[in-house]
Amino acid sequence: IDLGAITTSMTINSPAPMIFAMYLAVAEQQG
């Protein structure tokens, strides 16, 4: 799934920074 081509909504709260960081790291890996 190309993260540059979609939008994603994540229902996450207390660990939101950690989950968001993982999402960004995957985007980073994809270029």
PDB file of all heavy atoms in Angstrom:
ATOM      1  N   ILE A   1       0.859  -1.195   0.000  1.00  0.00           N
ATOM      2  CA  ILE A   1       0.000   0.000   0.000  1.00  0.00           C
ATOM      3  C   ILE A   1       0.889   1.237   0.000  1.00  0.00           C
ATOM      4  O   ILE A   1       1.735   1.401   0.882  1.00  0.00           O
ATOM      5  CB  ILE A   1      -0.939   0.011   1.220  1.00  0.00           C
ATOM      6  CG1 ILE A   1      -1.867  -1.203   1.196  1.00  0.00           C
ATOM      7  CG2 ILE A   1      -1.756   1.306   1.261  1.00  0.00           C
ATOM      8  CD1 ILE A   1      -2.710  -1.364   2.450  1.00  0.00           C
ATOM      9  N   ASP A   2       0.716   2.089  -0.982  1.00  0.00           N
ATOM     10  CA  ASP A   2       1.534   3.292  -1.133  1.00  0.00           C
ATOM     11  C   ASP A   2       1.000   4.389  -0.214  1.00  0.00           C
ATOM     12  O   ASP A   2      -0.047   4.979  -0.479  1.00  0.00           O
ATOM     13  CB  ASP A   2       1.497   3.750  -2.595  1.00  0.00           C
ATOM     14  CG  ASP A   2       2.348   4.981  -2.859  1.00  0.00           C
ATOM     15  OD1 ASP A   2       2.967   5.513  -1.912  1.00  0.00           O
ATOM     16  OD2 ASP A   2       2.375   5.422  -4.025  1.00  0.00           O
ATOM     17  N   LEU A   3       1.719   4.674   0.872  1.00  0.00           N
ATOM     18  CA  LEU A   3       1.235   5.661   1.836  1.00  0.00           C
ATOM     19  C   LEU A   3       1.218   7.069   1.258  1.00  0.00           C
ATOM     20  O   LEU A   3       0.501   7.931   1.753  1.00  0.00           O
ATOM     21  CB  LEU A   3       2.095   5.629   3.108  1.00  0.00           C
ATOM     22  CG  LEU A   3       2.081   4.310   3.893  1.00  0.00           C
ATOM     23  CD1 LEU A   3       2.778   4.489   5.238  1.00  0.00           C
ATOM     24  CD2 LEU A   3       0.674   3.795   4.102  1.00  0.00           C
ATOM     25  N   GLY A   4       1.992   7.287   0.220  1.00  0.00           N
ATOM     26  CA  GLY A   4       1.965   8.595  -0.433  1.00  0.00           C
ATOM     27  C   GLY A   4       0.727   8.819  -1.277  1.00  0.00           C
ATOM     28  O   GLY A   4       0.448   9.953  -1.688  1.00  0.00           O
ATOM     29  N   ALA A   5      -0.041   7.752  -1.530  1.00  0.00           N
ATOM     30  CA  ALA A   5      -1.199   7.850  -2.416  1.00  0.00           C
ATOM     31  C   ALA A   5      -2.529   7.738  -1.688  1.00  0.00           C
ATOM     32  O   ALA A   5      -3.585   7.806  -2.321  1.00  0.00           O
ATOM     33  CB  ALA A   5      -1.116   6.755  -3.484  1.00  0.00           C
ATOM     34  N   ILE A   6      -2.490   7.550  -0.361  1.00  0.00           N
ATOM     35  CA  ILE A   6      -3.737   7.374   0.398  1.00  0.00           C
ATOM     36  C   ILE A   6      -3.745   8.311   1.604  1.00  0.00           C
ATOM     37  O   ILE A   6      -2.731   8.921   1.953  1.00  0.00           O
ATOM     38  CB  ILE A   6      -3.900   5.923   0.906  1.00  0.00           C
ATOM     39  CG1 ILE A   6      -2.769   5.557   1.898  1.00  0.00           C
ATOM     40  CG2 ILE A   6      -3.934   4.939  -0.250  1.00  0.00           C
ATOM     41  CD1 ILE A   6      -3.007   4.267   2.664  1.00  0.00           C
ATOM     42  N   THR A   7      -4.895   8.433   2.241  1.00  0.00           N
ATOM     43  CA  THR A   7      -4.976   9.044   3.572  1.00  0.00           C
ATOM     44  C   THR A   7      -5.386   7.957   4.552  1.00  0.00           C
ATOM     45  O   THR A   7      -6.104   7.018   4.189  1.00  0.00           O
ATOM     46  CB  THR A   7      -5.990  10.202   3.629  1.00  0.00           C
ATOM     47  OG1 THR A   7      -7.307   9.669   3.420  1.00  0.00           O
ATOM     48  CG2 THR A   7      -5.695  11.252   2.588  1.00  0.00           C
ATOM     49  N   THR A   8      -4.921   8.069   5.773  1.00  0.00           N
ATOM     50  CA  THR A   8      -5.186   7.056   6.791  1.00  0.00           C
ATOM     51  C   THR A   8      -5.669   7.726   8.062  1.00  0.00           C
ATOM     52  O   THR A   8      -5.107   8.734   8.486  1.00  0.00           O
ATOM     53  CB  THR A   8      -3.904   6.257   7.108  1.00  0.00           C
ATOM     54  OG1 THR A   8      -3.403   5.676   5.911  1.00  0.00           O
ATOM     55  CG2 THR A   8      -4.176   5.156   8.123  1.00  0.00           C
ATOM     56  N   SER A   9      -6.722   7.179   8.653  1.00  0.00           N
ATOM     57  CA  SER A   9      -7.215   7.672   9.936  1.00  0.00           C
ATOM     58  C   SER A   9      -6.938   6.617  10.997  1.00  0.00           C
ATOM     59  O   SER A   9      -7.299   5.454  10.820  1.00  0.00           O
ATOM     60  CB  SER A   9      -8.715   7.965   9.868  1.00  0.00           C
ATOM     61  OG  SER A   9      -9.196   8.379  11.138  1.00  0.00           O
ATOM     62  N   MET A  10      -6.273   7.023  12.075  1.00  0.00           N
ATOM     63  CA  MET A  10      -5.912   6.084  13.137  1.00  0.00           C
ATOM     64  C   MET A  10      -6.602   6.478  14.438  1.00  0.00           C
ATOM     65  O   MET A  10      -6.365   7.561  14.963  1.00  0.00           O
ATOM     66  CB  MET A  10      -4.396   6.064  13.318  1.00  0.00           C
ATOM     67  CG  MET A  10      -3.669   5.426  12.151  1.00  0.00           C
ATOM     68  SD  MET A  10      -1.871   5.467  12.321  1.00  0.00           S
ATOM     69  CE  MET A  10      -1.490   7.015  11.511  1.00  0.00           C
ATOM     70  N   THR A  11      -7.470   5.607  14.934  1.00  0.00           N
ATOM     71  CA  THR A  11      -8.156   5.857  16.192  1.00  0.00           C
ATOM     72  C   THR A  11      -7.257   5.379  17.324  1.00  0.00           C
ATOM     73  O   THR A  11      -7.392   4.269  17.820  1.00  0.00           O
ATOM     74  CB  THR A  11      -9.513   5.145  16.218  1.00  0.00           C
ATOM     75  OG1 THR A  11     -10.246   5.516  15.054  1.00  0.00           O
ATOM     76  CG2 THR A  11     -10.318   5.539  17.441  1.00  0.00           C
ATOM     77  N   ILE A  12      -6.321   6.236  17.711  1.00  0.00           N
ATOM     78  CA  ILE A  12      -5.346   5.896  18.741  1.00  0.00           C
ATOM     79  C   ILE A  12      -5.117   7.132  19.596  1.00  0.00           C
ATOM     80  O   ILE A  12      -5.107   8.250  19.071  1.00  0.00           O
ATOM     81  CB  ILE A  12      -4.033   5.380  18.108  1.00  0.00           C
ATOM     82  CG1 ILE A  12      -3.085   4.818  19.156  1.00  0.00           C
ATOM     83  CG2 ILE A  12      -3.363   6.442  17.253  1.00  0.00           C
ATOM     84  CD1 ILE A  12      -3.575   3.544  19.798  1.00  0.00           C
ATOM     85  N   ASN A  13      -4.940   6.939  20.898  1.00  0.00           N
ATOM     86  CA  ASN A  13      -4.874   8.100  21.787  1.00  0.00           C
ATOM     87  C   ASN A  13      -3.635   8.091  22.674  1.00  0.00           C
ATOM     88  O   ASN A  13      -2.633   8.705  22.327  1.00  0.00           O
ATOM     89  CB  ASN A  13      -6.170   8.203  22.594  1.00  0.00           C
ATOM     90  CG  ASN A  13      -7.352   8.512  21.694  1.00  0.00           C
ATOM     91  OD1 ASN A  13      -7.525   9.635  21.263  1.00  0.00           O
ATOM     92  ND2 ASN A  13      -8.158   7.508  21.366  1.00  0.00           N
ATOM     93  N   SER A  14      -3.627   7.389  23.780  1.00  0.00           N
ATOM     94  CA  SER A  14      -2.454   7.427  24.656  1.00  0.00           C
ATOM     95  C   SER A  14      -1.159   7.074  23.930  1.00  0.00           C
ATOM     96  O   SER A  14      -0.164   7.775  24.059  1.00  0.00           O
ATOM     97  CB  SER A  14      -2.652   6.500  25.857  1.00  0.00           C
ATOM     98  OG  SER A  14      -3.613   7.037  26.731  1.00  0.00           O
ATOM     99  N   PRO A  15      -1.115   5.984  23.147  1.00  0.00           N
ATOM    100  CA  PRO A  15       0.121   5.679  22.416  1.00  0.00           C
ATOM    101  C   PRO A  15       0.151   6.285  21.011  1.00  0.00           C
ATOM    102  O   PRO A  15       0.864   5.790  20.139  1.00  0.00           O
ATOM    103  CB  PRO A  15       0.129   4.146  22.330  1.00  0.00           C
ATOM    104  CG  PRO A  15      -1.174   3.683  22.895  1.00  0.00           C
ATOM    105  CD  PRO A  15      -2.061   4.867  23.031  1.00  0.00           C
ATOM    106  N   ALA A  16      -0.607   7.362  20.776  1.00  0.00           N
ATOM    107  CA  ALA A  16      -0.670   7.959  19.438  1.00  0.00           C
ATOM    108  C   ALA A  16       0.702   8.349  18.887  1.00  0.00           C
ATOM    109  O   ALA A  16       0.987   8.101  17.712  1.00  0.00           O
ATOM    110  CB  ALA A  16      -1.608   9.164  19.439  1.00  0.00           C
ATOM    111  N   PRO A  17       1.599   8.964  19.703  1.00  0.00           N
ATOM    112  CA  PRO A  17       2.904   9.337  19.140  1.00  0.00           C
ATOM    113  C   PRO A  17       3.693   8.125  18.646  1.00  0.00           C
ATOM    114  O   PRO A  17       4.378   8.196  17.623  1.00  0.00           O
ATOM    115  CB  PRO A  17       3.617  10.018  20.312  1.00  0.00           C
ATOM    116  CG  PRO A  17       2.538  10.418  21.263  1.00  0.00           C
ATOM    117  CD  PRO A  17       1.461   9.408  21.095  1.00  0.00           C
ATOM    118  N   MET A  18       3.603   7.014  19.366  1.00  0.00           N
ATOM    119  CA  MET A  18       4.347   5.813  18.985  1.00  0.00           C
ATOM    120  C   MET A  18       3.796   5.207  17.685  1.00  0.00           C
ATOM    121  O   MET A  18       4.558   4.849  16.778  1.00  0.00           O
ATOM    122  CB  MET A  18       4.272   4.754  20.092  1.00  0.00           C
ATOM    123  CG  MET A  18       4.881   5.177  21.421  1.00  0.00           C
ATOM    124  SD  MET A  18       3.750   6.253  22.358  1.00  0.00           S
ATOM    125  CE  MET A  18       4.684   6.536  23.844  1.00  0.00           C
ATOM    126  N   ILE A  19       2.473   5.108  17.589  1.00  0.00           N
ATOM    127  CA  ILE A  19       1.852   4.530  16.397  1.00  0.00           C
ATOM    128  C   ILE A  19       2.082   5.443  15.192  1.00  0.00           C
ATOM    129  O   ILE A  19       2.369   4.980  14.079  1.00  0.00           O
ATOM    130  CB  ILE A  19       0.350   4.288  16.634  1.00  0.00           C
ATOM    131  CG1 ILE A  19       0.148   3.288  17.784  1.00  0.00           C
ATOM    132  CG2 ILE A  19      -0.335   3.807  15.372  1.00  0.00           C
ATOM    133  CD1 ILE A  19       0.696   1.903  17.518  1.00  0.00           C
ATOM    134  N   PHE A  20       1.959   6.747  15.404  1.00  0.00           N
ATOM    135  CA  PHE A  20       2.204   7.711  14.321  1.00  0.00           C
ATOM    136  C   PHE A  20       3.656   7.614  13.846  1.00  0.00           C
ATOM    137  O   PHE A  20       3.934   7.638  12.642  1.00  0.00           O
ATOM    138  CB  PHE A  20       1.889   9.125  14.826  1.00  0.00           C
ATOM    139  CG  PHE A  20       2.031  10.203  13.785  1.00  0.00           C
ATOM    140  CD1 PHE A  20       1.564  10.035  12.494  1.00  0.00           C
ATOM    141  CD2 PHE A  20       2.626  11.420  14.115  1.00  0.00           C
ATOM    142  CE1 PHE A  20       1.690  11.040  11.546  1.00  0.00           C
ATOM    143  CE2 PHE A  20       2.754  12.428  13.174  1.00  0.00           C
ATOM    144  CZ  PHE A  20       2.285  12.233  11.892  1.00  0.00           C
ATOM    145  N   ALA A  21       4.589   7.480  14.783  1.00  0.00           N
ATOM    146  CA  ALA A  21       5.999   7.348  14.426  1.00  0.00           C
ATOM    147  C   ALA A  21       6.221   6.103  13.567  1.00  0.00           C
ATOM    148  O   ALA A  21       7.001   6.133  12.596  1.00  0.00           O
ATOM    149  CB  ALA A  21       6.862   7.296  15.688  1.00  0.00           C
ATOM    150  N   MET A  22       5.542   5.006  13.886  1.00  0.00           N
ATOM    151  CA  MET A  22       5.662   3.789  13.078  1.00  0.00           C
ATOM    152  C   MET A  22       5.140   4.017  11.660  1.00  0.00           C
ATOM    153  O   MET A  22       5.746   3.561  10.676  1.00  0.00           O
ATOM    154  CB  MET A  22       4.897   2.644  13.746  1.00  0.00           C
ATOM    155  CG  MET A  22       5.505   2.163  15.045  1.00  0.00           C
ATOM    156  SD  MET A  22       4.476   0.869  15.796  1.00  0.00           S
ATOM    157  CE  MET A  22       5.269   0.722  17.402  1.00  0.00           C
ATOM    158  N   TYR A  23       4.030   4.715  11.554  1.00  0.00           N
ATOM    159  CA  TYR A  23       3.461   5.019  10.239  1.00  0.00           C
ATOM    160  C   TYR A  23       4.449   5.840   9.416  1.00  0.00           C
ATOM    161  O   TYR A  23       4.682   5.565   8.232  1.00  0.00           O
ATOM    162  CB  TYR A  23       2.141   5.776  10.436  1.00  0.00           C
ATOM    163  CG  TYR A  23       1.358   6.027   9.173  1.00  0.00           C
ATOM    164  CD1 TYR A  23       0.446   5.086   8.694  1.00  0.00           C
ATOM    165  CD2 TYR A  23       1.504   7.211   8.453  1.00  0.00           C
ATOM    166  CE1 TYR A  23      -0.290   5.317   7.550  1.00  0.00           C
ATOM    167  CE2 TYR A  23       0.772   7.455   7.303  1.00  0.00           C
ATOM    168  CZ  TYR A  23      -0.122   6.506   6.856  1.00  0.00           C
ATOM    169  OH  TYR A  23      -0.849   6.734   5.713  1.00  0.00           O
ATOM    170  N   LEU A  24       5.048   6.847  10.051  1.00  0.00           N
ATOM    171  CA  LEU A  24       6.013   7.691   9.348  1.00  0.00           C
ATOM    172  C   LEU A  24       7.246   6.895   8.941  1.00  0.00           C
ATOM    173  O   LEU A  24       7.825   7.124   7.862  1.00  0.00           O
ATOM    174  CB  LEU A  24       6.416   8.871  10.229  1.00  0.00           C
ATOM    175  CG  LEU A  24       5.329   9.903  10.527  1.00  0.00           C
ATOM    176  CD1 LEU A  24       5.873  10.988  11.459  1.00  0.00           C
ATOM    177  CD2 LEU A  24       4.786  10.538   9.249  1.00  0.00           C
ATOM    178  N   ALA A  25       7.671   5.956   9.791  1.00  0.00           N
ATOM    179  CA  ALA A  25       8.836   5.137   9.465  1.00  0.00           C
ATOM    180  C   ALA A  25       8.563   4.257   8.247  1.00  0.00           C
ATOM    181  O   ALA A  25       9.441   4.070   7.396  1.00  0.00           O
ATOM    182  CB  ALA A  25       9.231   4.284  10.668  1.00  0.00           C
ATOM    183  N   VAL A  26       7.346   3.716   8.133  1.00  0.00           N
ATOM    184  CA  VAL A  26       6.988   2.929   6.950  1.00  0.00           C
ATOM    185  C   VAL A  26       6.978   3.823   5.716  1.00  0.00           C
ATOM    186  O   VAL A  26       7.490   3.440   4.646  1.00  0.00           O
ATOM    187  CB  VAL A  26       5.618   2.238   7.140  1.00  0.00           C
ATOM    188  CG1 VAL A  26       5.158   1.590   5.828  1.00  0.00           C
ATOM    189  CG2 VAL A  26       5.695   1.192   8.233  1.00  0.00           C
ATOM    190  N   ALA A  27       6.418   5.012   5.831  1.00  0.00           N
ATOM    191  CA  ALA A  27       6.418   5.958   4.711  1.00  0.00           C
ATOM    192  C   ALA A  27       7.856   6.273   4.286  1.00  0.00           C
ATOM    193  O   ALA A  27       8.165   6.348   3.090  1.00  0.00           O
ATOM    194  CB  ALA A  27       5.681   7.238   5.102  1.00  0.00           C
ATOM    195  N   GLU A  28       8.702   6.444   5.279  1.00  0.00           N
ATOM    196  CA  GLU A  28      10.128   6.715   5.033  1.00  0.00           C
ATOM    197  C   GLU A  28      10.758   5.555   4.256  1.00  0.00           C
ATOM    198  O   GLU A  28      11.497   5.767   3.283  1.00  0.00           O
ATOM    199  CB  GLU A  28      10.810   6.891   6.382  1.00  0.00           C
ATOM    200  CG  GLU A  28      12.243   7.346   6.367  1.00  0.00           C
ATOM    201  CD  GLU A  28      12.707   7.588   7.810  1.00  0.00           C
ATOM    202  OE1 GLU A  28      12.756   6.619   8.602  1.00  0.00           O
ATOM    203  OE2 GLU A  28      13.009   8.743   8.131  1.00  0.00           O
ATOM    204  N   GLN A  29      10.483   4.328   4.666  1.00  0.00           N
ATOM    205  CA  GLN A  29      11.010   3.151   3.972  1.00  0.00           C
ATOM    206  C   GLN A  29      10.532   3.086   2.523  1.00  0.00           C
ATOM    207  O   GLN A  29      11.263   2.651   1.623  1.00  0.00           O
ATOM    208  CB  GLN A  29      10.567   1.875   4.695  1.00  0.00           C
ATOM    209  CG  GLN A  29      11.202   1.655   6.049  1.00  0.00           C
ATOM    210  CD  GLN A  29      10.596   0.459   6.777  1.00  0.00           C
ATOM    211  OE1 GLN A  29       9.648  -0.164   6.284  1.00  0.00           O
ATOM    212  NE2 GLN A  29      11.128   0.136   7.946  1.00  0.00           N
ATOM    213  N   GLN A  30       9.290   3.533   2.287  1.00  0.00           N
ATOM    214  CA  GLN A  30       8.720   3.515   0.942  1.00  0.00           C
ATOM    215  C   GLN A  30       9.242   4.645   0.062  1.00  0.00           C
ATOM    216  O   GLN A  30       8.974   4.664  -1.141  1.00  0.00           O
ATOM    217  CB  GLN A  30       7.194   3.597   1.020  1.00  0.00           C
ATOM    218  CG  GLN A  30       6.515   2.394   1.633  1.00  0.00           C
ATOM    219  CD  GLN A  30       4.994   2.537   1.653  1.00  0.00           C
ATOM    220  OE1 GLN A  30       4.435   3.574   1.245  1.00  0.00           O
ATOM    221  NE2 GLN A  30       4.304   1.500   2.110  1.00  0.00           N
ATOM    222  N   GLY A  31       9.960   5.595   0.690  1.00  0.00           N
ATOM    223  CA  GLY A  31      10.444   6.745  -0.070  1.00  0.00           C
ATOM    224  C   GLY A  31       9.418   7.850  -0.224  1.00  0.00           C
ATOM    225  O   GLY A  31       9.598   8.765  -1.049  1.00  0.00           O
TER     226      GLY A  31
END
